[in-house]
Protein backbone atom coordinates (compact mmCIF):
# COMPACT_ATOMS: atom_id res chain seq x y z
CA UNK A 1 90.06 109.59 185.37
CA UNK A 2 90.41 113.03 183.78
CA UNK A 3 87.99 113.83 180.97
CA UNK A 4 90.95 114.51 178.68
CA UNK A 5 93.64 111.93 179.32
CA UNK A 6 96.40 113.45 177.18
CA UNK A 7 95.96 116.92 178.65
CA UNK A 8 96.42 115.37 182.09
CA UNK A 9 99.87 114.27 180.86
CA UNK A 10 100.73 117.78 179.69
CA UNK A 11 100.09 117.07 176.00
CA UNK A 12 98.45 119.95 174.15
CA UNK A 13 96.96 118.22 171.09
CA UNK A 14 95.03 114.91 170.79
CA UNK A 15 97.59 113.41 168.42
CA UNK A 16 99.93 110.53 169.29
CA UNK A 17 102.87 109.29 167.23
CA UNK A 18 102.45 105.54 166.94
CA UNK A 19 105.45 103.76 168.50
CA UNK A 20 107.60 102.19 165.78
CA UNK A 21 110.30 99.88 167.08
CA UNK A 22 113.26 99.05 164.88
CA UNK A 23 114.33 102.44 163.60
CA UNK A 24 111.45 104.19 161.81
CA UNK A 25 110.39 106.00 164.98
CA UNK A 26 113.74 107.70 165.53
CA UNK A 27 114.47 109.85 168.60
CA UNK A 28 114.49 112.85 166.25
CA UNK A 29 110.96 112.07 165.06
CA UNK A 30 109.64 111.37 168.57
CA UNK A 31 111.10 114.63 169.89
CA UNK A 32 109.84 116.67 166.93
CA UNK A 33 106.30 115.41 167.48
CA UNK A 34 106.42 116.13 171.21
CA UNK A 35 107.93 119.57 170.65
CA UNK A 36 105.00 120.36 168.35
CA UNK A 37 102.54 119.72 171.18
CA UNK A 38 101.54 116.13 170.37
CA UNK A 39 102.76 112.97 172.15
CA UNK A 40 105.85 111.35 170.68
CA UNK A 41 106.10 107.63 171.40
CA UNK A 42 109.34 105.68 171.15
CA UNK A 43 109.23 101.97 170.39
CA UNK A 44 111.85 100.55 172.76
CA UNK A 45 110.91 96.88 172.50
CA UNK A 46 114.10 95.72 170.77
CA UNK A 47 116.40 97.55 173.19
CA UNK A 48 118.23 96.16 176.20
CA UNK A 49 117.54 97.94 179.51
CA UNK A 50 120.68 100.09 179.34
CA UNK A 51 119.85 101.05 175.76
CA UNK A 52 116.40 102.16 176.91
CA UNK A 53 117.99 104.41 179.51
CA UNK A 54 120.48 105.78 176.98
CA UNK A 55 117.69 106.48 174.50
CA UNK A 56 115.59 108.18 177.16
CA UNK A 57 118.53 110.47 177.91
CA UNK A 58 118.88 111.23 174.20
CA UNK A 59 115.18 112.06 174.00
CA UNK A 60 115.47 114.34 177.02
CA UNK A 61 118.31 116.17 175.29
CA UNK A 62 115.97 116.81 172.34
CA UNK A 63 112.74 117.69 174.15
CA UNK A 64 111.42 118.67 177.56
CA UNK A 65 107.88 117.80 176.51
CA UNK A 66 106.02 114.58 177.45
CA UNK A 67 107.06 111.37 175.70
CA UNK A 68 105.87 107.76 175.83
CA UNK A 69 107.92 104.56 175.84
CA UNK A 70 106.49 101.39 174.33
CA UNK A 71 107.37 97.71 174.89
CA UNK A 72 106.19 94.29 173.72
CA UNK A 73 104.25 92.61 176.52
CA UNK A 74 104.11 89.23 174.82
CA UNK A 75 104.41 87.57 171.45
CA UNK A 76 107.59 85.61 172.18
CA UNK A 77 107.42 81.89 171.39
CA UNK A 78 110.47 80.32 173.07
CA UNK A 79 108.96 76.83 173.06
CA UNK A 80 107.77 76.73 169.44
CA UNK A 81 110.06 74.81 167.12
CA UNK A 82 110.07 75.19 163.33
CA UNK A 83 112.36 73.35 160.91
CA UNK A 84 114.64 76.25 159.89
CA UNK A 85 116.09 74.81 156.68
CA UNK A 86 113.60 76.20 154.13
CA UNK A 87 113.63 79.73 155.60
CA UNK A 88 117.41 79.71 155.93
CA UNK A 89 117.62 78.82 152.23
CA UNK A 90 115.46 81.81 151.24
CA UNK A 91 117.39 84.22 153.46
CA UNK A 92 120.68 82.79 152.17
CA UNK A 93 119.70 83.69 148.60
CA UNK A 94 118.90 87.23 149.73
CA UNK A 95 122.26 87.46 151.52
CA UNK A 96 124.03 86.27 148.38
CA UNK A 97 122.34 88.93 146.29
CA UNK A 98 123.25 91.59 148.85
CA UNK A 99 126.87 90.46 149.17
CA UNK A 100 126.48 89.25 152.76
CA UNK A 101 127.94 86.15 154.36
CA UNK A 102 125.52 83.21 154.71
CA UNK A 103 123.12 83.70 157.63
CA UNK A 104 123.38 81.74 160.86
CA UNK A 105 120.35 80.55 162.77
CA UNK A 106 119.87 82.87 165.79
CA UNK A 107 118.58 81.57 169.12
CA UNK A 108 114.87 81.76 169.90
CA UNK A 109 114.87 84.27 172.79
CA UNK A 110 112.61 84.67 175.80
CA UNK A 111 110.89 87.95 176.62
CA UNK A 112 113.07 90.58 178.35
CA UNK A 113 109.97 92.49 179.54
CA UNK A 114 110.59 92.53 183.29
CA UNK A 115 114.08 94.01 182.98
CA UNK A 116 112.85 96.47 180.35
CA UNK A 117 110.05 97.64 182.63
CA UNK A 118 112.59 98.44 185.34
CA UNK A 119 114.41 100.65 182.82
CA UNK A 120 111.14 102.36 181.85
CA UNK A 121 110.40 103.10 185.49
CA UNK A 122 113.85 104.64 185.87
CA UNK A 123 113.41 106.65 182.65
CA UNK A 124 110.09 108.12 183.92
CA UNK A 125 108.24 108.79 180.64
CA UNK A 126 104.89 110.58 180.72
CA UNK A 127 103.25 107.35 179.55
CA UNK A 128 104.18 103.66 179.34
CA UNK A 129 102.42 101.84 176.51
CA UNK A 130 102.61 98.22 175.43
CA UNK A 131 101.39 95.83 172.76
CA UNK A 132 101.30 92.07 171.93
CA UNK A 133 99.75 91.15 175.27
CA UNK A 134 99.33 92.23 178.88
CA UNK A 135 102.04 92.63 181.54
CA UNK A 136 101.35 90.96 184.86
CA UNK A 137 99.22 92.79 187.41
CA UNK A 138 102.36 93.22 189.50
CA UNK A 139 104.26 94.80 186.59
CA UNK A 140 101.44 97.22 185.80
CA UNK A 141 101.11 98.17 189.46
CA UNK A 142 104.87 98.76 189.68
CA UNK A 143 104.79 101.21 186.79
CA UNK A 144 101.73 103.03 188.11
CA UNK A 145 103.20 103.21 191.61
CA UNK A 146 106.10 105.11 190.04
CA UNK A 147 103.61 107.71 188.83
CA UNK A 148 103.56 106.54 185.20
CA UNK A 149 100.15 105.85 183.63
CA UNK A 150 99.79 102.77 181.45
CA UNK A 151 98.22 102.28 178.01
CA UNK A 152 97.59 98.86 176.46
CA UNK A 153 96.82 97.87 172.86
CA UNK A 154 93.66 96.05 171.81
CA UNK A 155 92.61 94.77 168.40
CA UNK A 156 89.23 93.47 169.61
CA UNK A 157 86.69 94.46 172.25
CA UNK A 158 87.46 91.18 174.02
CA UNK A 159 91.12 92.22 174.34
CA UNK A 160 90.09 95.66 175.57
CA UNK A 161 88.08 94.09 178.38
CA UNK A 162 91.14 92.07 179.44
CA UNK A 163 93.24 95.25 179.47
CA UNK A 164 90.63 97.11 181.50
CA UNK A 165 90.51 94.27 184.03
CA UNK A 166 94.31 94.45 184.28
CA UNK A 167 94.05 98.07 185.42
CA UNK A 168 95.35 100.08 182.46
CA UNK A 169 94.67 103.81 182.32
CA UNK A 170 93.98 104.00 178.57
CA UNK A 171 93.68 101.77 175.52
CA UNK A 172 95.04 102.11 171.99
CA UNK A 173 92.38 100.57 169.75
CA UNK A 174 94.28 99.19 166.74
CA UNK A 175 92.02 98.70 163.76
CA UNK A 176 92.67 96.31 160.90
CA UNK A 177 93.89 99.20 158.70
CA UNK A 178 96.96 99.81 160.88
CA UNK A 179 100.45 99.36 159.50
CA UNK A 180 103.20 97.26 161.08
CA UNK A 181 102.72 94.62 163.77
CA UNK A 182 99.30 93.55 164.93
CA UNK A 183 98.85 93.93 168.68
CA UNK A 184 96.60 90.88 168.83
CA UNK A 185 97.02 88.58 171.83
CA UNK A 186 93.86 86.53 172.43
CA UNK A 187 93.14 85.03 169.02
CA UNK A 188 94.93 84.85 165.69
CA UNK A 189 95.60 88.05 163.76
CA UNK A 190 93.23 86.86 161.04
CA UNK A 191 90.42 86.48 163.60
CA UNK A 192 91.08 89.92 165.07
CA UNK A 193 90.64 92.25 162.09
CA UNK A 194 88.13 94.91 163.17
CA UNK A 195 87.80 98.24 161.30
CA UNK A 196 89.17 101.16 163.32
CA UNK A 197 86.00 103.19 163.89
CA UNK A 198 83.93 100.11 164.73
CA UNK A 199 86.61 98.99 167.19
CA UNK A 200 86.80 102.42 168.84
CA UNK A 201 83.05 102.50 169.40
CA UNK A 202 83.12 99.01 170.88
CA UNK A 203 86.08 99.64 173.18
CA UNK A 204 84.65 102.92 174.49
CA UNK A 205 81.30 101.27 175.20
CA UNK A 206 82.84 98.20 176.83
CA UNK A 207 85.45 99.88 179.05
CA UNK A 208 84.70 103.58 179.51
CA UNK A 209 88.46 104.21 179.38
CA UNK A 210 90.21 106.88 177.29
CA UNK A 211 90.82 105.43 173.82
CA UNK A 212 93.46 106.27 171.21
CA UNK A 213 92.15 105.42 167.74
CA UNK A 214 94.80 103.71 165.61
CA UNK A 215 94.72 102.37 162.08
CA UNK A 216 94.49 104.11 158.71
CA UNK A 217 94.32 107.64 160.15
CA UNK A 218 96.12 110.09 157.87
CA UNK A 219 94.42 113.49 158.10
CA UNK A 220 92.04 115.65 160.09
CA UNK A 221 88.95 114.12 158.51
CA UNK A 222 90.03 110.67 159.70
CA UNK A 223 90.76 111.99 163.18
CA UNK A 224 87.40 113.76 163.37
CA UNK A 225 85.66 110.48 162.53
CA UNK A 226 87.63 108.83 165.33
CA UNK A 227 86.45 111.52 167.76
CA UNK A 228 82.87 110.96 166.61
CA UNK A 229 83.33 107.26 167.38
CA UNK A 230 84.34 108.17 170.94
CA UNK A 231 88.14 108.36 170.80
CA UNK A 232 89.95 110.95 172.91
CA UNK A 233 93.03 110.93 170.68
CA UNK A 234 94.34 109.66 167.36
CA UNK A 235 97.49 107.56 167.08
CA UNK A 236 99.23 107.83 163.70
CA UNK A 237 102.29 105.98 162.44
CA UNK A 238 102.27 105.67 158.66
CA UNK A 239 101.37 109.36 158.33
CA UNK A 240 104.77 110.31 159.80
CA UNK A 241 106.98 107.92 157.81
CA UNK A 242 107.88 110.43 155.07
CA UNK A 243 108.82 113.12 157.57
CA UNK A 244 112.55 113.90 157.22
CA UNK A 245 112.99 113.11 160.92
CA UNK A 246 111.87 109.48 160.54
CA UNK A 247 114.47 106.73 160.43
CA UNK A 248 113.31 104.92 157.29
CA UNK A 249 115.93 104.40 154.54
CA UNK A 250 115.59 105.92 151.07
CA UNK A 251 114.25 102.83 149.24
CA UNK A 252 111.50 102.58 151.87
CA UNK A 253 110.70 106.27 151.26
CA UNK A 254 110.52 105.68 147.52
CA UNK A 255 108.08 102.82 148.06
CA UNK A 256 105.91 105.09 150.22
CA UNK A 257 106.06 107.90 147.65
CA UNK A 258 104.51 105.54 145.09
CA UNK A 259 101.34 105.85 147.20
CA UNK A 260 100.05 102.43 146.18
CA UNK A 261 97.95 100.35 148.55
CA UNK A 262 99.67 97.03 148.00
CA UNK A 263 99.65 96.26 151.72
CA UNK A 264 99.39 92.69 152.94
CA UNK A 265 99.54 90.95 156.29
CA UNK A 266 102.79 88.99 156.51
CA UNK A 267 104.88 87.17 159.10
CA UNK A 268 108.01 86.69 157.01
CA UNK A 269 110.09 89.57 158.38
CA UNK A 270 109.62 89.10 162.12
CA UNK A 271 107.60 85.96 162.74
CA UNK A 272 104.61 88.03 163.80
CA UNK A 273 101.71 89.25 161.68
CA UNK A 274 102.25 92.78 160.38
CA UNK A 275 100.88 94.97 157.59
CA UNK A 276 103.30 96.26 154.98
CA UNK A 277 103.83 96.87 151.28
CA UNK A 278 104.34 93.70 149.25
CA UNK A 279 107.89 93.19 147.99
CA UNK A 280 110.22 90.49 146.66
CA UNK A 281 111.01 88.87 150.02
CA UNK A 282 107.33 88.40 150.82
CA UNK A 283 106.88 86.69 147.46
CA UNK A 284 110.05 84.59 147.88
CA UNK A 285 108.73 83.26 151.20
CA UNK A 286 105.42 82.07 149.78
CA UNK A 287 104.70 78.68 151.35
CA UNK A 288 107.90 78.68 153.44
CA UNK A 289 107.46 77.93 157.19
CA UNK A 290 108.17 81.05 159.24
CA UNK A 291 110.28 80.87 162.41
CA UNK A 292 108.89 82.07 165.76
CA UNK A 293 108.88 85.71 166.80
CA UNK A 294 111.44 87.04 167.33
CA UNK A 295 113.84 84.43 165.99
CA UNK A 296 112.60 85.25 162.48
CA UNK A 297 113.13 88.95 163.15
CA UNK A 298 116.73 88.36 164.24
CA UNK A 299 117.36 86.11 161.21
CA UNK A 300 116.24 88.80 158.75
CA UNK A 301 117.83 91.81 160.49
CA UNK A 302 121.12 91.87 158.57
CA UNK A 303 119.26 91.36 155.29
CA UNK A 304 116.87 94.23 155.99
CA UNK A 305 119.66 96.59 157.07
CA UNK A 306 121.88 95.84 154.07
CA UNK A 307 118.97 96.12 151.65
CA UNK A 308 118.35 99.64 152.90
CA UNK A 309 122.02 100.55 152.58
CA UNK A 310 122.13 99.24 149.02
CA UNK A 311 119.04 101.15 147.96
CA UNK A 312 116.88 98.06 147.44
CA UNK A 313 113.33 97.84 148.73
CA UNK A 314 113.25 94.10 147.95
CA UNK A 315 114.30 92.89 151.40
CA UNK A 316 113.07 95.67 153.73
CA UNK A 317 110.01 95.35 155.94
CA UNK A 318 108.01 98.16 154.33
CA UNK A 319 105.49 98.60 157.13
CA UNK A 320 102.56 100.78 156.12
CA UNK A 321 98.86 101.10 156.88
CA UNK A 322 95.99 101.16 154.44
CA UNK A 323 95.99 104.96 154.39
CA UNK A 324 99.41 105.02 152.70
CA UNK A 325 97.92 106.31 149.43
CA UNK A 326 97.30 109.62 151.23
CA UNK A 327 100.70 110.00 152.88
CA UNK A 328 102.16 113.52 152.98
CA UNK A 329 105.82 114.50 152.93
CA UNK A 330 106.70 117.34 155.28
CA UNK A 331 108.60 117.97 158.54
CA UNK A 332 106.94 116.40 161.57
CA UNK A 333 106.11 119.73 163.28
CA UNK A 334 104.38 120.90 160.09
CA UNK A 335 102.37 117.69 159.91
CA UNK A 336 101.26 118.03 163.53
CA UNK A 337 100.23 121.64 162.87
CA UNK A 338 98.36 120.61 159.72
CA UNK A 339 96.47 117.91 161.60
CA UNK A 340 95.55 120.33 164.38
CA UNK A 341 94.21 122.85 161.85
CA UNK A 342 92.25 120.12 160.07
CA UNK A 343 90.52 119.04 163.29
CA UNK A 344 89.57 122.59 164.14
CA UNK A 345 92.42 123.59 166.40
CA UNK A 346 91.86 121.06 169.17
């Protein structure tokens, strides 16, 4: 294993854009980060195989630099049944306020991972990363045989050991401060909340693999602390949300500009635990049984989209990490350059 994993991929700086499925991590943002010498990661988990290939072509039209593609390796609950009536009632009220037709209960899907992996292999990114679990040994070997290194996501040292045993090339250590979905897969999200720097130290010691520190990192001082803990690179998501290239709608941007740490862990938007800014929908769902991932995600999609279009933050999943109070608003290349200067030009 090379001493510097990212440099072995052709990436100049030890900065990784956290993959953000669902729109925030737009192709424009991913390409801008890669063009600035960092590693842009595209969250492709909600895309069908052909959409992954189409997006990869779009990315290649925007950058010739290394990119990563990210998928969900687990988290689906096709056999879990929840009485949908109470949640449908809450979402129906949101639809009524937004001028949408009443929602219909979507099916509870199974994981499309195997077909998605085939698309990733065809797309040939510089790195394949995943979260929510571990692909099979055969799937990991298939990707690596195609010349694509593999990075898994761990929220505990125990998970990191499982990833190392599965043969991954690197690990993204996701601390409790991280915004958006928790990558947890062995225990509950609540049992897997480890501070970022503590987690990095533990994962490095337990596996010896290259580690990307993830969770609450917003500036060079944070990244330097991650390096001191043993990380080879820093993975940032929230820090890039106010870049003009990101895909977040204006009401989401306004919520971020408030720079208030009102983040909570919630399952009400997707069915899976995620950190975001508290809003009306989270409050409306208090005590309401949540549908499985990703049935809940599909149920709330129209609501979230329309809320953004109508300029309302009430019904958007406002994913953000605990460092949101220090978010900066500037073009992505400028942010990458600022981070590089702040860490001493690495």
